[in-house]
Amino acid sequence: MKADNTIKDKSLDFAIRIVRLYKHISETNNEYILSKQLLKSGTSIGANVREAIGGQSKENFIAKMHIALKEAYETEYWLELLYSTDYLAENEFKSIFTNCRELTNILASILKTMKETK
């Protein structure tokens, strides 16, 4: 299965932002627990997208894209929590949360399309 390169590129760009945000939070605020959770879920989105693209079947593609979507939802949670506990400034939060929501919407759209064509 081949996914639109948009999700591949956007998920990689997002992962890079997440790594940089993790470094910033851990270096600036000495916060390692919540930010590590963010790092794991935020970088997992792109990893699962790549696995989906290399999937062996349509079912495998859908399963991996679904995992990527779940990781995007989890990432939204960690971003909201870090913002609500003052580890992220409002401008930092809005910028990266908007990117995360965009990924969530793209993944949901891909999954909807794939399921409709089953």
PDB file of N, CA and C in Angstrom:
ATOM      1  N   MET A   1       0.835  -1.186   0.000  1.00  0.00           N
ATOM      2  CA  MET A   1       0.000   0.000   0.000  1.00  0.00           C
ATOM      3  C   MET A   1       0.876   1.244   0.000  1.00  0.00           C
ATOM      4  N   LYS A   2       0.424   2.260  -0.663  1.00  0.00           N
ATOM      5  CA  LYS A   2       1.175   3.506  -0.718  1.00  0.00           C
ATOM      6  C   LYS A   2       0.296   4.644  -0.215  1.00  0.00           C
ATOM      7  N   ALA A   3       0.788   5.341   0.776  1.00  0.00           N
ATOM      8  CA  ALA A   3       0.044   6.479   1.315  1.00  0.00           C
ATOM      9  C   ALA A   3       0.486   7.743   0.593  1.00  0.00           C
ATOM     10  N   ASP A   4      -0.346   8.732   0.655  1.00  0.00           N
ATOM     11  CA  ASP A   4      -0.001  10.049   0.152  1.00  0.00           C
ATOM     12  C   ASP A   4       1.264  10.506   0.866  1.00  0.00           C
ATOM     13  N   ASN A   5       2.223  11.012   0.115  1.00  0.00           N
ATOM     14  CA  ASN A   5       3.478  11.462   0.723  1.00  0.00           C
ATOM     15  C   ASN A   5       3.275  12.614   1.694  1.00  0.00           C
ATOM     16  N   THR A   6       2.132  13.278   1.624  1.00  0.00           N
ATOM     17  CA  THR A   6       1.857  14.365   2.555  1.00  0.00           C
ATOM     18  C   THR A   6       1.950  13.876   3.983  1.00  0.00           C
ATOM     19  N   ILE A   7       1.330  12.763   4.299  1.00  0.00           N
ATOM     20  CA  ILE A   7       1.346  12.254   5.669  1.00  0.00           C
ATOM     21  C   ILE A   7       2.753  11.788   6.046  1.00  0.00           C
ATOM     22  N   LYS A   8       3.463  11.229   5.106  1.00  0.00           N
ATOM     23  CA  LYS A   8       4.839  10.789   5.364  1.00  0.00           C
ATOM     24  C   LYS A   8       5.716  11.987   5.725  1.00  0.00           C
ATOM     25  N   ASP A   9       5.640  13.029   4.920  1.00  0.00           N
ATOM     26  CA  ASP A   9       6.457  14.223   5.148  1.00  0.00           C
ATOM     27  C   ASP A   9       6.027  14.972   6.409  1.00  0.00           C
ATOM     28  N   LYS A  10       4.726  15.143   6.572  1.00  0.00           N
ATOM     29  CA  LYS A  10       4.224  15.889   7.730  1.00  0.00           C
ATOM     30  C   LYS A  10       4.511  15.162   9.040  1.00  0.00           C
ATOM     31  N   SER A  11       4.418  13.851   9.027  1.00  0.00           N
ATOM     32  CA  SER A  11       4.681  13.114  10.265  1.00  0.00           C
ATOM     33  C   SER A  11       6.170  13.163  10.624  1.00  0.00           C
ATOM     34  N   LEU A  12       7.047  13.180   9.635  1.00  0.00           N
ATOM     35  CA  LEU A  12       8.480  13.326   9.909  1.00  0.00           C
ATOM     36  C   LEU A  12       8.784  14.726  10.445  1.00  0.00           C
ATOM     37  N   ASP A  13       8.236  15.742   9.796  1.00  0.00           N
ATOM     38  CA  ASP A  13       8.437  17.116  10.263  1.00  0.00           C
ATOM     39  C   ASP A  13       7.921  17.283  11.690  1.00  0.00           C
ATOM     40  N   PHE A  14       6.777  16.662  11.977  1.00  0.00           N
ATOM     41  CA  PHE A  14       6.205  16.745  13.313  1.00  0.00           C
ATOM     42  C   PHE A  14       7.113  16.044  14.328  1.00  0.00           C
ATOM     43  N   ALA A  15       7.634  14.895  13.974  1.00  0.00           N
ATOM     44  CA  ALA A  15       8.537  14.170  14.875  1.00  0.00           C
ATOM     45  C   ALA A  15       9.773  15.013  15.200  1.00  0.00           C
ATOM     46  N   ILE A  16      10.288  15.708  14.221  1.00  0.00           N
ATOM     47  CA  ILE A  16      11.442  16.579  14.444  1.00  0.00           C
ATOM     48  C   ILE A  16      11.078  17.681  15.435  1.00  0.00           C
ATOM     49  N   ARG A  17       9.898  18.264  15.266  1.00  0.00           N
ATOM     50  CA  ARG A  17       9.445  19.296  16.219  1.00  0.00           C
ATOM     51  C   ARG A  17       9.296  18.721  17.623  1.00  0.00           C
ATOM     52  N   ILE A  18       8.791  17.499  17.717  1.00  0.00           N
ATOM     53  CA  ILE A  18       8.603  16.860  19.020  1.00  0.00           C
ATOM     54  C   ILE A  18       9.955  16.616  19.697  1.00  0.00           C
ATOM     55  N   VAL A  19      10.932  16.145  18.952  1.00  0.00           N
ATOM     56  CA  VAL A  19      12.266  15.914  19.521  1.00  0.00           C
ATOM     57  C   VAL A  19      12.842  17.233  20.033  1.00  0.00           C
ATOM     58  N   ARG A  20      12.714  18.273  19.248  1.00  0.00           N
ATOM     59  CA  ARG A  20      13.228  19.578  19.670  1.00  0.00           C
ATOM     60  C   ARG A  20      12.474  20.111  20.896  1.00  0.00           C
ATOM     61  N   LEU A  21      11.169  19.892  20.925  1.00  0.00           N
ATOM     62  CA  LEU A  21      10.375  20.319  22.080  1.00  0.00           C
ATOM     63  C   LEU A  21      10.773  19.539  23.325  1.00  0.00           C
ATOM     64  N   TYR A  22      10.988  18.247  23.175  1.00  0.00           N
ATOM     65  CA  TYR A  22      11.445  17.426  24.310  1.00  0.00           C
ATOM     66  C   TYR A  22      12.764  17.967  24.861  1.00  0.00           C
ATOM     67  N   LYS A  23      13.702  18.241  23.961  1.00  0.00           N
ATOM     68  CA  LYS A  23      14.993  18.780  24.396  1.00  0.00           C
ATOM     69  C   LYS A  23      14.806  20.100  25.137  1.00  0.00           C
ATOM     70  N   HIS A  24      13.952  20.946  24.607  1.00  0.00           N
ATOM     71  CA  HIS A  24      13.695  22.255  25.221  1.00  0.00           C
ATOM     72  C   HIS A  24      13.083  22.098  26.616  1.00  0.00           C
ATOM     73  N   ILE A  25      12.055  21.276  26.741  1.00  0.00           N
ATOM     74  CA  ILE A  25      11.386  21.102  28.031  1.00  0.00           C
ATOM     75  C   ILE A  25      12.325  20.471  29.052  1.00  0.00           C
ATOM     76  N   SER A  26      13.050  19.463  28.633  1.00  0.00           N
ATOM     77  CA  SER A  26      13.933  18.786  29.587  1.00  0.00           C
ATOM     78  C   SER A  26      15.114  19.668  29.991  1.00  0.00           C
ATOM     79  N   GLU A  27      15.643  20.456  29.072  1.00  0.00           N
ATOM     80  CA  GLU A  27      16.777  21.321  29.397  1.00  0.00           C
ATOM     81  C   GLU A  27      16.353  22.572  30.161  1.00  0.00           C
ATOM     82  N   THR A  28      15.222  23.148  29.790  1.00  0.00           N
ATOM     83  CA  THR A  28      14.767  24.394  30.398  1.00  0.00           C
ATOM     84  C   THR A  28      14.068  24.167  31.730  1.00  0.00           C
ATOM     85  N   ASN A  29      13.227  23.147  31.790  1.00  0.00           N
ATOM     86  CA  ASN A  29      12.388  22.935  32.976  1.00  0.00           C
ATOM     87  C   ASN A  29      12.773  21.714  33.797  1.00  0.00           C
ATOM     88  N   ASN A  30      13.786  21.002  33.369  1.00  0.00           N
ATOM     89  CA  ASN A  30      14.168  19.752  34.041  1.00  0.00           C
ATOM     90  C   ASN A  30      12.977  18.817  34.218  1.00  0.00           C
ATOM     91  N   GLU A  31      12.127  18.765  33.211  1.00  0.00           N
ATOM     92  CA  GLU A  31      10.949  17.888  33.250  1.00  0.00           C
ATOM     93  C   GLU A  31      11.220  16.737  32.297  1.00  0.00           C
ATOM     94  N   TYR A  32      11.186  15.515  32.822  1.00  0.00           N
ATOM     95  CA  TYR A  32      11.559  14.353  32.013  1.00  0.00           C
ATOM     96  C   TYR A  32      10.458  13.318  31.878  1.00  0.00           C
ATOM     97  N   ILE A  33       9.512  13.278  32.774  1.00  0.00           N
ATOM     98  CA  ILE A  33       8.505  12.216  32.767  1.00  0.00           C
ATOM     99  C   ILE A  33       7.427  12.476  31.714  1.00  0.00           C
ATOM    100  N   LEU A  34       6.731  13.595  31.825  1.00  0.00           N
ATOM    101  CA  LEU A  34       5.667  13.913  30.863  1.00  0.00           C
ATOM    102  C   LEU A  34       6.238  14.129  29.467  1.00  0.00           C
ATOM    103  N   SER A  35       7.358  14.821  29.404  1.00  0.00           N
ATOM    104  CA  SER A  35       7.945  15.108  28.096  1.00  0.00           C
ATOM    105  C   SER A  35       8.443  13.840  27.410  1.00  0.00           C
ATOM    106  N   LYS A  36       8.863  12.848  28.187  1.00  0.00           N
ATOM    107  CA  LYS A  36       9.286  11.560  27.593  1.00  0.00           C
ATOM    108  C   LYS A  36       8.082  10.850  26.977  1.00  0.00           C
ATOM    109  N   GLN A  37       6.937  10.944  27.639  1.00  0.00           N
ATOM    110  CA  GLN A  37       5.714  10.355  27.078  1.00  0.00           C
ATOM    111  C   GLN A  37       5.362  11.041  25.757  1.00  0.00           C
ATOM    112  N   LEU A  38       5.493  12.357  25.743  1.00  0.00           N
ATOM    113  CA  LEU A  38       5.250  13.122  24.518  1.00  0.00           C
ATOM    114  C   LEU A  38       6.211  12.697  23.419  1.00  0.00           C
ATOM    115  N   LEU A  39       7.479  12.535  23.776  1.00  0.00           N
ATOM    116  CA  LEU A  39       8.494  12.115  22.808  1.00  0.00           C
ATOM    117  C   LEU A  39       8.138  10.764  22.192  1.00  0.00           C
ATOM    118  N   LYS A  40       7.720   9.832  23.030  1.00  0.00           N
ATOM    119  CA  LYS A  40       7.385   8.490  22.540  1.00  0.00           C
ATOM    120  C   LYS A  40       6.191   8.513  21.592  1.00  0.00           C
ATOM    121  N   SER A  41       5.096   9.136  22.029  1.00  0.00           N
ATOM    122  CA  SER A  41       3.894   9.117  21.187  1.00  0.00           C
ATOM    123  C   SER A  41       4.062   9.995  19.948  1.00  0.00           C
ATOM    124  N   GLY A  42       4.709  11.145  20.102  1.00  0.00           N
ATOM    125  CA  GLY A  42       4.863  12.069  18.979  1.00  0.00           C
ATOM    126  C   GLY A  42       5.748  11.553  17.868  1.00  0.00           C
ATOM    127  N   THR A  43       6.766  10.773  18.220  1.00  0.00           N
ATOM    128  CA  THR A  43       7.636  10.204  17.184  1.00  0.00           C
ATOM    129  C   THR A  43       7.081   8.886  16.641  1.00  0.00           C
ATOM    130  N   SER A  44       6.222   8.260  17.400  1.00  0.00           N
ATOM    131  CA  SER A  44       5.620   7.002  16.972  1.00  0.00           C
ATOM    132  C   SER A  44       4.648   7.180  15.808  1.00  0.00           C
ATOM    133  N   ILE A  45       4.079   8.360  15.690  1.00  0.00           N
ATOM    134  CA  ILE A  45       3.135   8.615  14.593  1.00  0.00           C
ATOM    135  C   ILE A  45       3.815   8.331  13.260  1.00  0.00           C
ATOM    136  N   GLY A  46       4.946   8.992  13.031  1.00  0.00           N
ATOM    137  CA  GLY A  46       5.665   8.828  11.767  1.00  0.00           C
ATOM    138  C   GLY A  46       6.212   7.429  11.566  1.00  0.00           C
ATOM    139  N   ALA A  47       6.658   6.808  12.653  1.00  0.00           N
ATOM    140  CA  ALA A  47       7.173   5.436  12.547  1.00  0.00           C
ATOM    141  C   ALA A  47       6.076   4.489  12.073  1.00  0.00           C
ATOM    142  N   ASN A  48       4.874   4.653  12.604  1.00  0.00           N
ATOM    143  CA  ASN A  48       3.767   3.797  12.183  1.00  0.00           C
ATOM    144  C   ASN A  48       3.287   4.108  10.773  1.00  0.00           C
ATOM    145  N   VAL A  49       3.360   5.365  10.388  1.00  0.00           N
ATOM    146  CA  VAL A  49       3.033   5.733   9.006  1.00  0.00           C
ATOM    147  C   VAL A  49       4.003   5.036   8.061  1.00  0.00           C
ATOM    148  N   ARG A  50       5.294   5.056   8.381  1.00  0.00           N
ATOM    149  CA  ARG A  50       6.287   4.393   7.534  1.00  0.00           C
ATOM    150  C   ARG A  50       6.050   2.892   7.472  1.00  0.00           C
ATOM    151  N   GLU A  51       5.699   2.298   8.615  1.00  0.00           N
ATOM    152  CA  GLU A  51       5.384   0.868   8.612  1.00  0.00           C
ATOM    153  C   GLU A  51       4.171   0.582   7.742  1.00  0.00           C
ATOM    154  N   ALA A  52       3.185   1.464   7.803  1.00  0.00           N
ATOM    155  CA  ALA A  52       1.976   1.283   6.996  1.00  0.00           C
ATOM    156  C   ALA A  52       2.309   1.317   5.506  1.00  0.00           C
ATOM    157  N   ILE A  53       3.137   2.274   5.127  1.00  0.00           N
ATOM    158  CA  ILE A  53       3.513   2.409   3.721  1.00  0.00           C
ATOM    159  C   ILE A  53       4.217   1.148   3.225  1.00  0.00           C
ATOM    160  N   GLY A  54       5.000   0.534   4.100  1.00  0.00           N
ATOM    161  CA  GLY A  54       5.696  -0.702   3.735  1.00  0.00           C
ATOM    162  C   GLY A  54       4.898  -1.953   4.061  1.00  0.00           C
ATOM    163  N   GLY A  55       3.629  -1.780   4.356  1.00  0.00           N
ATOM    164  CA  GLY A  55       2.782  -2.898   4.768  1.00  0.00           C
ATOM    165  C   GLY A  55       2.632  -3.976   3.713  1.00  0.00           C
ATOM    166  N   GLN A  56       2.308  -5.161   4.193  1.00  0.00           N
ATOM    167  CA  GLN A  56       2.192  -6.324   3.309  1.00  0.00           C
ATOM    168  C   GLN A  56       0.823  -6.456   2.666  1.00  0.00           C
ATOM    169  N   SER A  57      -0.159  -5.759   3.227  1.00  0.00           N
ATOM    170  CA  SER A  57      -1.515  -5.875   2.703  1.00  0.00           C
ATOM    171  C   SER A  57      -2.294  -4.617   3.055  1.00  0.00           C
ATOM    172  N   LYS A  58      -3.457  -4.513   2.464  1.00  0.00           N
ATOM    173  CA  LYS A  58      -4.339  -3.391   2.772  1.00  0.00           C
ATOM    174  C   LYS A  58      -4.727  -3.424   4.252  1.00  0.00           C
ATOM    175  N   GLU A  59      -4.976  -4.608   4.779  1.00  0.00           N
ATOM    176  CA  GLU A  59      -5.352  -4.752   6.189  1.00  0.00           C
ATOM    177  C   GLU A  59      -4.213  -4.299   7.102  1.00  0.00           C
ATOM    178  N   ASN A  60      -2.980  -4.656   6.732  1.00  0.00           N
ATOM    179  CA  ASN A  60      -1.816  -4.235   7.506  1.00  0.00           C
ATOM    180  C   ASN A  60      -1.655  -2.717   7.446  1.00  0.00           C
ATOM    181  N   PHE A  61      -1.865  -2.152   6.268  1.00  0.00           N
ATOM    182  CA  PHE A  61      -1.797  -0.703   6.087  1.00  0.00           C
ATOM    183  C   PHE A  61      -2.796  -0.011   7.009  1.00  0.00           C
ATOM    184  N   ILE A  62      -4.030  -0.485   6.995  1.00  0.00           N
ATOM    185  CA  ILE A  62      -5.082   0.105   7.833  1.00  0.00           C
ATOM    186  C   ILE A  62      -4.735  -0.035   9.309  1.00  0.00           C
ATOM    187  N   ALA A  63      -4.252  -1.190   9.708  1.00  0.00           N
ATOM    188  CA  ALA A  63      -3.915  -1.420  11.121  1.00  0.00           C
ATOM    189  C   ALA A  63      -2.818  -0.461  11.584  1.00  0.00           C
ATOM    190  N   LYS A  64      -1.785  -0.291  10.786  1.00  0.00           N
ATOM    191  CA  LYS A  64      -0.678   0.597  11.169  1.00  0.00           C
ATOM    192  C   LYS A  64      -1.112   2.063  11.154  1.00  0.00           C
ATOM    193  N   MET A  65      -1.925   2.441  10.196  1.00  0.00           N
ATOM    194  CA  MET A  65      -2.427   3.815  10.158  1.00  0.00           C
ATOM    195  C   MET A  65      -3.335   4.080  11.361  1.00  0.00           C
ATOM    196  N   HIS A  66      -4.063   3.064  11.770  1.00  0.00           N
ATOM    197  CA  HIS A  66      -4.914   3.213  12.951  1.00  0.00           C
ATOM    198  C   HIS A  66      -4.054   3.415  14.204  1.00  0.00           C
ATOM    199  N   ILE A  67      -2.958   2.699  14.298  1.00  0.00           N
ATOM    200  CA  ILE A  67      -2.036   2.890  15.427  1.00  0.00           C
ATOM    201  C   ILE A  67      -1.460   4.312  15.384  1.00  0.00           C
ATOM    202  N   ALA A  68      -1.102   4.786  14.204  1.00  0.00           N
ATOM    203  CA  ALA A  68      -0.574   6.147  14.062  1.00  0.00           C
ATOM    204  C   ALA A  68      -1.616   7.163  14.539  1.00  0.00           C
ATOM    205  N   LEU A  69      -2.875   6.934  14.202  1.00  0.00           N
ATOM    206  CA  LEU A  69      -3.948   7.825  14.642  1.00  0.00           C
ATOM    207  C   LEU A  69      -4.083   7.810  16.163  1.00  0.00           C
ATOM    208  N   LYS A  70      -4.028   6.624  16.753  1.00  0.00           N
ATOM    209  CA  LYS A  70      -4.102   6.525  18.213  1.00  0.00           C
ATOM    210  C   LYS A  70      -2.933   7.254  18.870  1.00  0.00           C
ATOM    211  N   GLU A  71      -1.751   7.156  18.291  1.00  0.00           N
ATOM    212  CA  GLU A  71      -0.579   7.858  18.821  1.00  0.00           C
ATOM    213  C   GLU A  71      -0.754   9.374  18.693  1.00  0.00           C
ATOM    214  N   ALA A  72      -1.396   9.816  17.619  1.00  0.00           N
ATOM    215  CA  ALA A  72      -1.654  11.251  17.441  1.00  0.00           C
ATOM    216  C   ALA A  72      -2.616  11.750  18.524  1.00  0.00           C
ATOM    217  N   TYR A  73      -3.655  10.959  18.799  1.00  0.00           N
ATOM    218  CA  TYR A  73      -4.580  11.335  19.877  1.00  0.00           C
ATOM    219  C   TYR A  73      -3.851  11.386  21.223  1.00  0.00           C
ATOM    220  N   GLU A  74      -2.983  10.423  21.468  1.00  0.00           N
ATOM    221  CA  GLU A  74      -2.223  10.418  22.721  1.00  0.00           C
ATOM    222  C   GLU A  74      -1.310  11.643  22.789  1.00  0.00           C
ATOM    223  N   THR A  75      -0.703  11.989  21.688  1.00  0.00           N
ATOM    224  CA  THR A  75       0.174  13.156  21.645  1.00  0.00           C
ATOM    225  C   THR A  75      -0.600  14.430  21.959  1.00  0.00           C
ATOM    226  N   GLU A  76      -1.812  14.537  21.442  1.00  0.00           N
ATOM    227  CA  GLU A  76      -2.657  15.690  21.777  1.00  0.00           C
ATOM    228  C   GLU A  76      -2.846  15.780  23.290  1.00  0.00           C
ATOM    229  N   TYR A  77      -3.090  14.644  23.919  1.00  0.00           N
ATOM    230  CA  TYR A  77      -3.274  14.613  25.365  1.00  0.00           C
ATOM    231  C   TYR A  77      -2.042  15.144  26.103  1.00  0.00           C
ATOM    232  N   TRP A  78      -0.854  14.634  25.756  1.00  0.00           N
ATOM    233  CA  TRP A  78       0.363  15.057  26.439  1.00  0.00           C
ATOM    234  C   TRP A  78       0.635  16.538  26.210  1.00  0.00           C
ATOM    235  N   LEU A  79       0.359  17.030  25.013  1.00  0.00           N
ATOM    236  CA  LEU A  79       0.534  18.459  24.748  1.00  0.00           C
ATOM    237  C   LEU A  79      -0.407  19.293  25.611  1.00  0.00           C
ATOM    238  N   GLU A  80      -1.660  18.861  25.689  1.00  0.00           N
ATOM    239  CA  GLU A  80      -2.627  19.578  26.523  1.00  0.00           C
ATOM    240  C   GLU A  80      -2.205  19.563  27.993  1.00  0.00           C
ATOM    241  N   LEU A  81      -1.708  18.432  28.458  1.00  0.00           N
ATOM    242  CA  LEU A  81      -1.279  18.319  29.843  1.00  0.00           C
ATOM    243  C   LEU A  81      -0.060  19.198  30.124  1.00  0.00           C
ATOM    244  N   LEU A  82       0.903  19.175  29.238  1.00  0.00           N
ATOM    245  CA  LEU A  82       2.100  20.011  29.422  1.00  0.00           C
ATOM    246  C   LEU A  82       1.742  21.497  29.398  1.00  0.00           C
ATOM    247  N   TYR A  83       0.798  21.863  28.565  1.00  0.00           N
ATOM    248  CA  TYR A  83       0.350  23.260  28.520  1.00  0.00           C
ATOM    249  C   TYR A  83      -0.406  23.626  29.801  1.00  0.00           C
ATOM    250  N   SER A  84      -1.286  22.755  30.232  1.00  0.00           N
ATOM    251  CA  SER A  84      -2.106  23.020  31.422  1.00  0.00           C
ATOM    252  C   SER A  84      -1.298  23.048  32.712  1.00  0.00           C
ATOM    253  N   THR A  85      -0.120  22.457  32.694  1.00  0.00           N
ATOM    254  CA  THR A  85       0.745  22.449  33.881  1.00  0.00           C
ATOM    255  C   THR A  85       1.929  23.416  33.730  1.00  0.00           C
ATOM    256  N   ASP A  86       1.805  24.321  32.776  1.00  0.00           N
ATOM    257  CA  ASP A  86       2.749  25.427  32.585  1.00  0.00           C
ATOM    258  C   ASP A  86       4.143  25.025  32.118  1.00  0.00           C
ATOM    259  N   TYR A  87       4.250  23.873  31.481  1.00  0.00           N
ATOM    260  CA  TYR A  87       5.536  23.510  30.872  1.00  0.00           C
ATOM    261  C   TYR A  87       5.646  24.042  29.449  1.00  0.00           C
ATOM    262  N   LEU A  88       4.499  24.379  28.855  1.00  0.00           N
ATOM    263  CA  LEU A  88       4.479  24.969  27.518  1.00  0.00           C
ATOM    264  C   LEU A  88       3.795  26.322  27.582  1.00  0.00           C
ATOM    265  N   ALA A  89       4.395  27.295  26.931  1.00  0.00           N
ATOM    266  CA  ALA A  89       3.765  28.603  26.798  1.00  0.00           C
ATOM    267  C   ALA A  89       2.624  28.490  25.787  1.00  0.00           C
ATOM    268  N   GLU A  90       1.706  29.420  25.839  1.00  0.00           N
ATOM    269  CA  GLU A  90       0.535  29.370  24.961  1.00  0.00           C
ATOM    270  C   GLU A  90       0.917  29.347  23.489  1.00  0.00           C
ATOM    271  N   ASN A  91       1.867  30.184  23.097  1.00  0.00           N
ATOM    272  CA  ASN A  91       2.262  30.212  21.682  1.00  0.00           C
ATOM    273  C   ASN A  91       2.925  28.910  21.249  1.00  0.00           C
ATOM    274  N   GLU A  92       3.737  28.313  22.131  1.00  0.00           N
ATOM    275  CA  GLU A  92       4.361  27.016  21.825  1.00  0.00           C
ATOM    276  C   GLU A  92       3.276  25.951  21.654  1.00  0.00           C
ATOM    277  N   PHE A  93       2.356  25.943  22.593  1.00  0.00           N
ATOM    278  CA  PHE A  93       1.282  24.953  22.570  1.00  0.00           C
ATOM    279  C   PHE A  93       0.432  25.079  21.312  1.00  0.00           C
ATOM    280  N   LYS A  94      -0.034  26.271  21.021  1.00  0.00           N
ATOM    281  CA  LYS A  94      -0.932  26.462  19.875  1.00  0.00           C
ATOM    282  C   LYS A  94      -0.278  26.028  18.572  1.00  0.00           C
ATOM    283  N   SER A  95       0.986  26.360  18.418  1.00  0.00           N
ATOM    284  CA  SER A  95       1.689  26.026  17.185  1.00  0.00           C
ATOM    285  C   SER A  95       1.802  24.515  16.983  1.00  0.00           C
ATOM    286  N   ILE A  96       2.297  23.821  17.978  1.00  0.00           N
ATOM    287  CA  ILE A  96       2.518  22.378  17.810  1.00  0.00           C
ATOM    288  C   ILE A  96       1.214  21.592  17.904  1.00  0.00           C
ATOM    289  N   PHE A  97       0.260  22.072  18.703  1.00  0.00           N
ATOM    290  CA  PHE A  97      -1.030  21.384  18.804  1.00  0.00           C
ATOM    291  C   PHE A  97      -1.767  21.469  17.471  1.00  0.00           C
ATOM    292  N   THR A  98      -1.655  22.604  16.798  1.00  0.00           N
ATOM    293  CA  THR A  98      -2.269  22.751  15.480  1.00  0.00           C
ATOM    294  C   THR A  98      -1.687  21.736  14.507  1.00  0.00           C
ATOM    295  N   ASN A  99      -0.371  21.550  14.544  1.00  0.00           N
ATOM    296  CA  ASN A  99       0.264  20.541  13.692  1.00  0.00           C
ATOM    297  C   ASN A  99      -0.215  19.146  14.026  1.00  0.00           C
ATOM    298  N   CYS A 100      -0.335  18.861  15.302  1.00  0.00           N
ATOM    299  CA  CYS A 100      -0.788  17.539  15.732  1.00  0.00           C
ATOM    300  C   CYS A 100      -2.229  17.287  15.279  1.00  0.00           C
ATOM    301  N   ARG A 101      -3.078  18.280  15.436  1.00  0.00           N
ATOM    302  CA  ARG A 101      -4.477  18.141  15.014  1.00  0.00           C
ATOM    303  C   ARG A 101      -4.569  17.936  13.511  1.00  0.00           C
ATOM    304  N   GLU A 102      -3.691  18.594  12.762  1.00  0.00           N
ATOM    305  CA  GLU A 102      -3.657  18.411  11.311  1.00  0.00           C
ATOM    306  C   GLU A 102      -3.311  16.955  10.968  1.00  0.00           C
ATOM    307  N   LEU A 103      -2.322  16.391  11.651  1.00  0.00           N
ATOM    308  CA  LEU A 103      -1.969  14.986  11.436  1.00  0.00           C
ATOM    309  C   LEU A 103      -3.141  14.073  11.782  1.00  0.00           C
ATOM    310  N   THR A 104      -3.782  14.358  12.898  1.00  0.00           N
ATOM    311  CA  THR A 104      -4.934  13.554  13.323  1.00  0.00           C
ATOM    312  C   THR A 104      -6.009  13.567  12.235  1.00  0.00           C
ATOM    313  N   ASN A 105      -6.296  14.735  11.701  1.00  0.00           N
ATOM    314  CA  ASN A 105      -7.322  14.854  10.665  1.00  0.00           C
ATOM    315  C   ASN A 105      -6.929  14.128   9.376  1.00  0.00           C
ATOM    316  N   ILE A 106      -5.680  14.236   8.984  1.00  0.00           N
ATOM    317  CA  ILE A 106      -5.214  13.551   7.768  1.00  0.00           C
ATOM    318  C   ILE A 106      -5.298  12.035   7.955  1.00  0.00           C
ATOM    319  N   LEU A 107      -4.827  11.554   9.094  1.00  0.00           N
ATOM    320  CA  LEU A 107      -4.873  10.108   9.363  1.00  0.00           C
ATOM    321  C   LEU A 107      -6.306   9.594   9.395  1.00  0.00           C
ATOM    322  N   ALA A 108      -7.193  10.336  10.031  1.00  0.00           N
ATOM    323  CA  ALA A 108      -8.603   9.929  10.093  1.00  0.00           C
ATOM    324  C   ALA A 108      -9.202   9.878   8.687  1.00  0.00           C
ATOM    325  N   SER A 109      -8.833  10.841   7.858  1.00  0.00           N
ATOM    326  CA  SER A 109      -9.333  10.879   6.481  1.00  0.00           C
ATOM    327  C   SER A 109      -8.803   9.697   5.663  1.00  0.00           C
ATOM    328  N   ILE A 110      -7.524   9.391   5.818  1.00  0.00           N
ATOM    329  CA  ILE A 110      -6.935   8.243   5.116  1.00  0.00           C
ATOM    330  C   ILE A 110      -7.647   6.956   5.534  1.00  0.00           C
ATOM    331  N   LEU A 111      -7.849   6.795   6.825  1.00  0.00           N
ATOM    332  CA  LEU A 111      -8.509   5.581   7.318  1.00  0.00           C
ATOM    333  C   LEU A 111      -9.943   5.485   6.822  1.00  0.00           C
ATOM    334  N   LYS A 112     -10.647   6.588   6.815  1.00  0.00           N
ATOM    335  CA  LYS A 112     -12.036   6.588   6.330  1.00  0.00           C
ATOM    336  C   LYS A 112     -12.076   6.166   4.859  1.00  0.00           C
ATOM    337  N   THR A 113     -11.183   6.742   4.066  1.00  0.00           N
ATOM    338  CA  THR A 113     -11.118   6.403   2.642  1.00  0.00           C
ATOM    339  C   THR A 113     -10.777   4.928   2.435  1.00  0.00           C
ATOM    340  N   MET A 114      -9.797   4.431   3.181  1.00  0.00           N
ATOM    341  CA  MET A 114      -9.374   3.032   3.042  1.00  0.00           C
ATOM    342  C   MET A 114     -10.484   2.068   3.448  1.00  0.00           C
ATOM    343  N   LYS A 115     -11.192   2.388   4.495  1.00  0.00           N
ATOM    344  CA  LYS A 115     -12.271   1.515   4.949  1.00  0.00           C
ATOM    345  C   LYS A 115     -13.445   1.510   3.995  1.00  0.00           C
ATOM    346  N   GLU A 116     -13.682   2.648   3.354  1.00  0.00           N
ATOM    347  CA  GLU A 116     -14.763   2.744   2.382  1.00  0.00           C
ATOM    348  C   GLU A 116     -14.468   1.948   1.122  1.00  0.00           C
ATOM    349  N   THR A 117     -13.197   1.763   0.810  1.00  0.00           N
ATOM    350  CA  THR A 117     -12.819   1.044  -0.402  1.00  0.00           C
ATOM    351  C   THR A 117     -12.533  -0.438  -0.131  1.00  0.00           C
ATOM    352  N   LYS A 118     -12.849  -0.900   1.071  1.00  0.00           N
ATOM    353  CA  LYS A 118     -12.609  -2.308   1.420  1.00  0.00           C
ATOM    354  C   LYS A 118     -13.452  -3.225   0.584  1.00  0.00           C
TER     355      LYS A 118
END
